[in-house]
Protein backbone atom coordinates (compact mmCIF):
# COMPACT_ATOMS: atom_id res chain seq x y z
CA UNK A 1 10.78 9.98 11.87
CA UNK A 2 10.02 11.44 8.47
CA UNK A 3 12.61 14.22 8.94
CA UNK A 4 15.27 11.65 9.82
CA UNK A 5 14.42 9.65 6.70
CA UNK A 6 14.67 12.76 4.50
CA UNK A 7 17.98 13.70 6.15
CA UNK A 8 19.43 10.23 5.54
CA UNK A 9 18.26 10.34 1.93
CA UNK A 10 19.91 13.74 1.41
CA UNK A 11 23.18 12.45 2.95
CA UNK A 12 23.05 9.36 0.74
CA UNK A 13 22.46 11.51 -2.36
CA UNK A 14 25.40 13.76 -1.40
CA UNK A 15 27.72 10.78 -0.96
CA UNK A 16 26.50 9.37 -4.25
CA UNK A 17 27.41 12.61 -6.06
CA UNK A 18 30.88 12.59 -4.48
CA UNK A 19 31.46 8.99 -5.58
CA UNK A 20 30.31 9.86 -9.09
CA UNK A 21 32.76 12.79 -9.31
CA UNK A 22 35.64 10.59 -8.09
CA UNK A 23 34.70 7.88 -10.58
CA UNK A 24 34.65 10.39 -13.45
CA UNK A 25 38.09 11.69 -12.45
CA UNK A 26 39.51 8.15 -12.29
CA UNK A 27 38.07 7.29 -15.70
CA UNK A 28 39.42 10.53 -17.16
CA UNK A 29 42.86 9.77 -15.75
CA UNK A 30 42.87 6.22 -17.13
CA UNK A 31 41.59 7.21 -20.57
CA UNK A 32 43.56 10.46 -21.05
CA UNK A 33 46.20 10.76 -18.36
CA UNK A 34 47.86 7.35 -18.60
CA UNK A 35 48.30 7.42 -22.41
CA UNK A 36 49.86 10.89 -22.12
CA UNK A 37 52.21 9.64 -19.41
CA UNK A 38 53.21 6.64 -21.55
CA UNK A 39 53.82 8.86 -24.55
CA UNK A 40 55.89 11.36 -22.57
CA UNK A 41 57.91 8.66 -20.82
CA UNK A 42 59.46 7.69 -24.16
CA UNK A 43 60.73 11.24 -24.58
CA UNK A 44 62.67 11.34 -21.33
CA UNK A 45 66.45 11.30 -21.91
CA UNK A 46 69.54 12.13 -19.92
CA UNK A 47 72.42 14.25 -21.11
CA UNK A 48 74.64 11.17 -21.41
CA UNK A 49 72.14 9.39 -23.64
CA UNK A 50 68.89 7.49 -23.51
CA UNK A 51 67.37 7.17 -20.03
CA UNK A 52 65.79 3.74 -20.60
CA UNK A 53 65.77 1.53 -23.71
CA UNK A 54 62.87 -0.86 -24.47
CA UNK A 55 62.35 -3.31 -27.29
CA UNK A 56 58.96 -1.80 -28.08
CA UNK A 57 57.85 1.62 -29.13
CA UNK A 58 55.35 3.97 -27.51
CA UNK A 59 52.72 2.87 -30.04
CA UNK A 60 53.13 -0.75 -28.97
CA UNK A 61 52.82 0.20 -25.30
CA UNK A 62 49.74 2.29 -26.00
CA UNK A 63 48.17 -0.59 -27.93
CA UNK A 64 48.88 -2.97 -25.03
CA UNK A 65 47.45 -0.50 -22.53
CA UNK A 66 44.38 -0.04 -24.72
CA UNK A 67 43.82 -3.79 -24.79
CA UNK A 68 44.20 -4.04 -21.00
CA UNK A 69 41.90 -1.06 -20.47
CA UNK A 70 39.31 -2.53 -22.85
CA UNK A 71 39.44 -5.91 -21.09
CA UNK A 72 39.09 -4.22 -17.71
CA UNK A 73 36.12 -2.22 -18.95
CA UNK A 74 34.49 -5.42 -20.23
CA UNK A 75 34.98 -7.14 -16.86
CA UNK A 76 33.60 -4.14 -14.99
CA UNK A 77 30.58 -4.05 -17.31
CA UNK A 78 30.00 -7.74 -16.68
CA UNK A 79 30.28 -7.28 -12.91
CA UNK A 80 27.89 -4.31 -13.05
CA UNK A 81 25.40 -6.30 -15.15
CA UNK A 82 25.46 -9.19 -12.68
CA UNK A 83 25.07 -6.84 -9.71
CA UNK A 84 22.24 -4.94 -11.39
CA UNK A 85 20.47 -8.17 -12.33
CA UNK A 86 20.76 -9.34 -8.73
CA UNK A 87 19.27 -6.09 -7.47
CA UNK A 88 16.53 -6.33 -10.09
CA UNK A 89 15.63 -9.82 -8.83
CA UNK A 90 15.61 -8.53 -5.25
CA UNK A 91 13.38 -5.66 -6.33
CA UNK A 92 10.95 -7.99 -8.12
CA UNK A 93 10.84 -10.28 -5.08
CA UNK A 94 10.21 -7.31 -2.79
CA UNK A 95 7.42 -6.03 -5.06
CA UNK A 96 5.76 -9.43 -5.29
CA UNK A 97 5.93 -10.02 -1.54
CA UNK A 98 4.72 -6.51 -0.62
CA UNK A 99 1.94 -6.38 -3.19
CA UNK A 100 0.70 -9.85 -2.26
CA UNK A 101 0.54 -8.88 1.41
CA UNK A 102 -1.16 -5.53 0.89
CA UNK A 103 -3.55 -6.84 -1.76
CA UNK A 104 -4.76 -9.34 0.84
CA UNK A 105 -5.31 -6.51 3.33
CA UNK A 106 -7.03 -4.53 0.58
CA UNK A 107 -9.29 -7.52 -0.15
CA UNK A 108 -10.23 -7.96 3.53
CA UNK A 109 -11.09 -4.28 3.91
CA UNK A 110 -13.10 -4.34 0.67
CA UNK A 111 -15.11 -7.30 1.96
CA UNK A 112 -15.62 -5.50 5.27
CA UNK A 113 -16.95 -2.46 3.40
CA UNK A 114 -19.44 -4.65 1.56
CA UNK A 115 -20.56 -6.23 4.82
CA UNK A 116 -21.08 -2.94 6.68
CA UNK A 117 -22.88 -1.12 3.88
CA UNK A 118 -25.96 0.57 5.40
CA UNK A 119 -27.98 -0.77 2.48
CA UNK A 120 -27.52 -4.24 3.99
CA UNK A 121 -30.05 -3.21 6.67
CA UNK A 122 -32.90 -2.95 4.16
CA UNK A 123 -36.01 -5.03 4.73
CA UNK A 124 -35.52 -8.44 3.08
CA UNK A 125 -38.66 -10.18 4.36
CA UNK A 126 -41.04 -11.75 1.86
CA UNK A 127 -44.24 -9.95 1.03
CA UNK A 128 -46.43 -13.00 1.67
CA UNK A 129 -45.14 -13.51 5.24
CA UNK A 130 -47.46 -12.90 8.15
CA UNK A 131 -46.74 -9.73 10.21
CA UNK A 132 -45.25 -11.81 13.04
CA UNK A 133 -43.03 -13.78 10.67
CA UNK A 134 -42.00 -10.60 8.91
CA UNK A 135 -41.04 -8.91 12.19
CA UNK A 136 -39.03 -11.96 13.27
CA UNK A 137 -37.20 -12.07 9.91
CA UNK A 138 -36.34 -8.39 10.08
CA UNK A 139 -35.01 -8.66 13.66
CA UNK A 140 -32.81 -11.63 12.74
CA UNK A 141 -31.54 -9.79 9.67
CA UNK A 142 -30.67 -6.66 11.66
CA UNK A 143 -28.92 -8.66 14.39
CA UNK A 144 -26.96 -10.52 11.72
CA UNK A 145 -25.91 -7.20 10.18
CA UNK A 146 -24.65 -5.82 13.51
CA UNK A 147 -22.73 -9.02 14.29
CA UNK A 148 -21.19 -9.16 10.81
CA UNK A 149 -20.15 -5.49 10.96
CA UNK A 150 -18.35 -5.95 14.29
CA UNK A 151 -16.67 -9.18 13.15
CA UNK A 152 -15.52 -7.45 9.95
CA UNK A 153 -13.78 -4.75 11.96
CA UNK A 154 -12.13 -7.32 14.23
CA UNK A 155 -10.96 -9.29 11.18
CA UNK A 156 -9.22 -6.23 9.74
CA UNK A 157 -7.55 -5.43 13.07
CA UNK A 158 -6.39 -9.00 13.64
CA UNK A 159 -5.00 -9.59 10.17
CA UNK A 160 -2.61 -6.63 9.83
CA UNK A 161 0.74 -6.69 11.67
CA UNK A 162 1.96 -3.70 13.77
CA UNK A 163 3.93 -2.08 10.91
CA UNK A 164 0.97 -2.34 8.55
CA UNK A 165 -1.45 -1.16 11.24
CA UNK A 166 0.45 2.12 11.62
CA UNK A 167 -0.08 2.86 7.93
CA UNK A 168 -3.83 2.28 8.02
CA UNK A 169 -4.57 3.23 11.65
CA UNK A 170 -6.40 6.48 10.70
CA UNK A 171 -8.54 4.54 8.24
CA UNK A 172 -9.36 1.83 10.79
CA UNK A 173 -10.38 4.54 13.28
CA UNK A 174 -12.65 6.06 10.65
CA UNK A 175 -14.03 2.61 9.87
CA UNK A 176 -14.70 2.00 13.57
CA UNK A 177 -16.59 5.30 13.91
CA UNK A 178 -18.66 4.58 10.81
CA UNK A 179 -19.58 1.10 12.05
CA UNK A 180 -20.62 2.65 15.36
CA UNK A 181 -22.91 5.08 13.52
CA UNK A 182 -24.38 2.34 11.34
CA UNK A 183 -25.00 0.09 14.35
CA UNK A 184 -26.80 2.96 16.07
CA UNK A 185 -29.29 3.01 13.19
CA UNK A 186 -29.53 -0.78 13.40
CA UNK A 187 -30.29 -0.56 17.13
CA UNK A 188 -33.08 1.94 16.50
CA UNK A 189 -34.65 -0.32 13.89
CA UNK A 190 -34.19 -3.43 15.99
CA UNK A 191 -35.79 -1.72 18.99
CA UNK A 192 -38.85 -0.79 16.93
CA UNK A 193 -39.41 -4.33 15.69
CA UNK A 194 -38.55 -5.86 19.08
CA UNK A 195 -41.27 -3.74 20.69
CA UNK A 196 -43.74 -4.98 18.08
CA UNK A 197 -42.67 -8.56 18.73
CA UNK A 198 -43.10 -8.13 22.50
CA UNK A 199 -46.52 -6.62 21.94
CA UNK A 200 -47.53 -9.62 19.81
CA UNK A 201 -46.40 -12.01 22.57
CA UNK A 202 -48.36 -10.09 25.21
CA UNK A 203 -51.51 -9.96 23.05
CA UNK A 204 -51.65 -13.61 21.98
CA UNK A 205 -50.09 -13.07 18.54
CA UNK A 206 -51.81 -9.81 17.63
CA UNK A 207 -50.49 -6.26 17.49
CA UNK A 208 -52.71 -3.24 18.06
CA UNK A 209 -53.29 -1.53 14.71
CA UNK A 210 -52.36 1.90 16.02
CA UNK A 211 -49.07 0.67 17.43
CA UNK A 212 -48.29 -1.34 14.27
CA UNK A 213 -49.01 1.60 12.00
CA UNK A 214 -46.98 4.06 14.10
CA UNK A 215 -43.98 1.72 14.44
CA UNK A 216 -43.90 0.82 10.76
CA UNK A 217 -44.06 4.50 9.81
CA UNK A 218 -41.12 5.25 12.11
CA UNK A 219 -39.13 2.34 10.67
CA UNK A 220 -40.02 3.41 7.14
CA UNK A 221 -38.65 6.89 7.83
CA UNK A 222 -35.38 5.37 9.02
CA UNK A 223 -35.16 3.25 5.87
CA UNK A 224 -35.90 6.26 3.67
CA UNK A 225 -33.76 8.90 5.41
CA UNK A 226 -31.06 7.72 7.82
CA UNK A 227 -29.92 4.71 5.83
CA UNK A 228 -29.53 6.63 2.52
CA UNK A 229 -27.82 9.48 4.39
CA UNK A 230 -25.42 7.03 6.02
CA UNK A 231 -24.70 5.43 2.66
CA UNK A 232 -24.16 8.69 0.77
CA UNK A 233 -22.17 10.30 3.58
CA UNK A 234 -19.91 8.27 5.91
CA UNK A 235 -19.95 5.15 3.76
CA UNK A 236 -18.88 6.97 0.59
CA UNK A 237 -16.18 8.73 2.60
CA UNK A 238 -14.85 5.32 3.63
CA UNK A 239 -14.69 4.21 0.00
CA UNK A 240 -12.85 7.34 -1.09
CA UNK A 241 -10.49 7.26 1.89
CA UNK A 242 -9.64 3.59 1.25
CA UNK A 243 -8.78 4.35 -2.36
CA UNK A 244 -6.43 7.17 -1.31
CA UNK A 245 -4.80 5.18 1.53
CA UNK A 246 -3.92 2.25 -0.71
CA UNK A 247 -2.80 4.53 -3.53
CA UNK A 248 -0.20 5.99 -1.16
CA UNK A 249 0.79 2.55 0.14
CA UNK A 250 1.36 1.14 -3.35
CA UNK A 251 3.25 4.30 -4.38
CA UNK A 252 5.51 3.92 -1.34
CA UNK A 253 6.17 0.27 -2.22
CA UNK A 254 7.15 1.25 -5.77
CA UNK A 255 9.45 3.99 -4.45
CA UNK A 256 11.16 1.62 -2.00
CA UNK A 257 11.58 -0.95 -4.76
CA UNK A 258 13.16 1.61 -7.11
CA UNK A 259 15.60 2.71 -4.39
CA UNK A 260 16.83 -0.89 -4.09
CA UNK A 261 18.37 -0.57 -7.56
CA UNK A 262 20.65 2.26 -6.42
CA UNK A 263 21.75 1.06 -2.99
């Protein structure tokens, strides 16, 4: 597909050069050739006398031709200005429409990145909550994170049309893989706190100290290691990749808009 586009562009450029050469030759003929022909035509005579007699001289004819040529040039300039202005308006409309559409996609993906940030899994329970309340709050928060992350991905997929999807498909695949990795960490954390919650239910609202200490230490290690690693690794890669993807998209829009001026 890309090779065909390049080939068409090369053919178009070649035809454009040919048209430019022909135009230059026509202009040269009108500006130089025709006046020479007019001047020489007044020198043509037959042996029997003058070939053709006019009531005006060559200078008058040249002045008339110059006026006609100048008027024609003015009309052509006016036509070109109108055509160029029309193309400029089409270009501006294309830019506005394309940028508005892609900026919306950009905004949706940016919001999705905020929602799936691994830092969103951090413990948000209040310090004065009881252990049971704290565990319940953490479980709800983790489940909310997982649900929001999956909905964010679905929102991105549903919003873009097929043409747009092809341009960001690699990024969406990377986003899907990252969300899968983040949700794996969420599942590990949720399982730890769910086990504590089940233990509290089975023991009339109390959790064995040894189990509580061991589980909280395991969860604390996840918060201190896996979540920062996920944020500094895959998540930062998503941010950088998004910036590069949309840089190319906006550059392509600008290029297409500029080509509209020369079609």
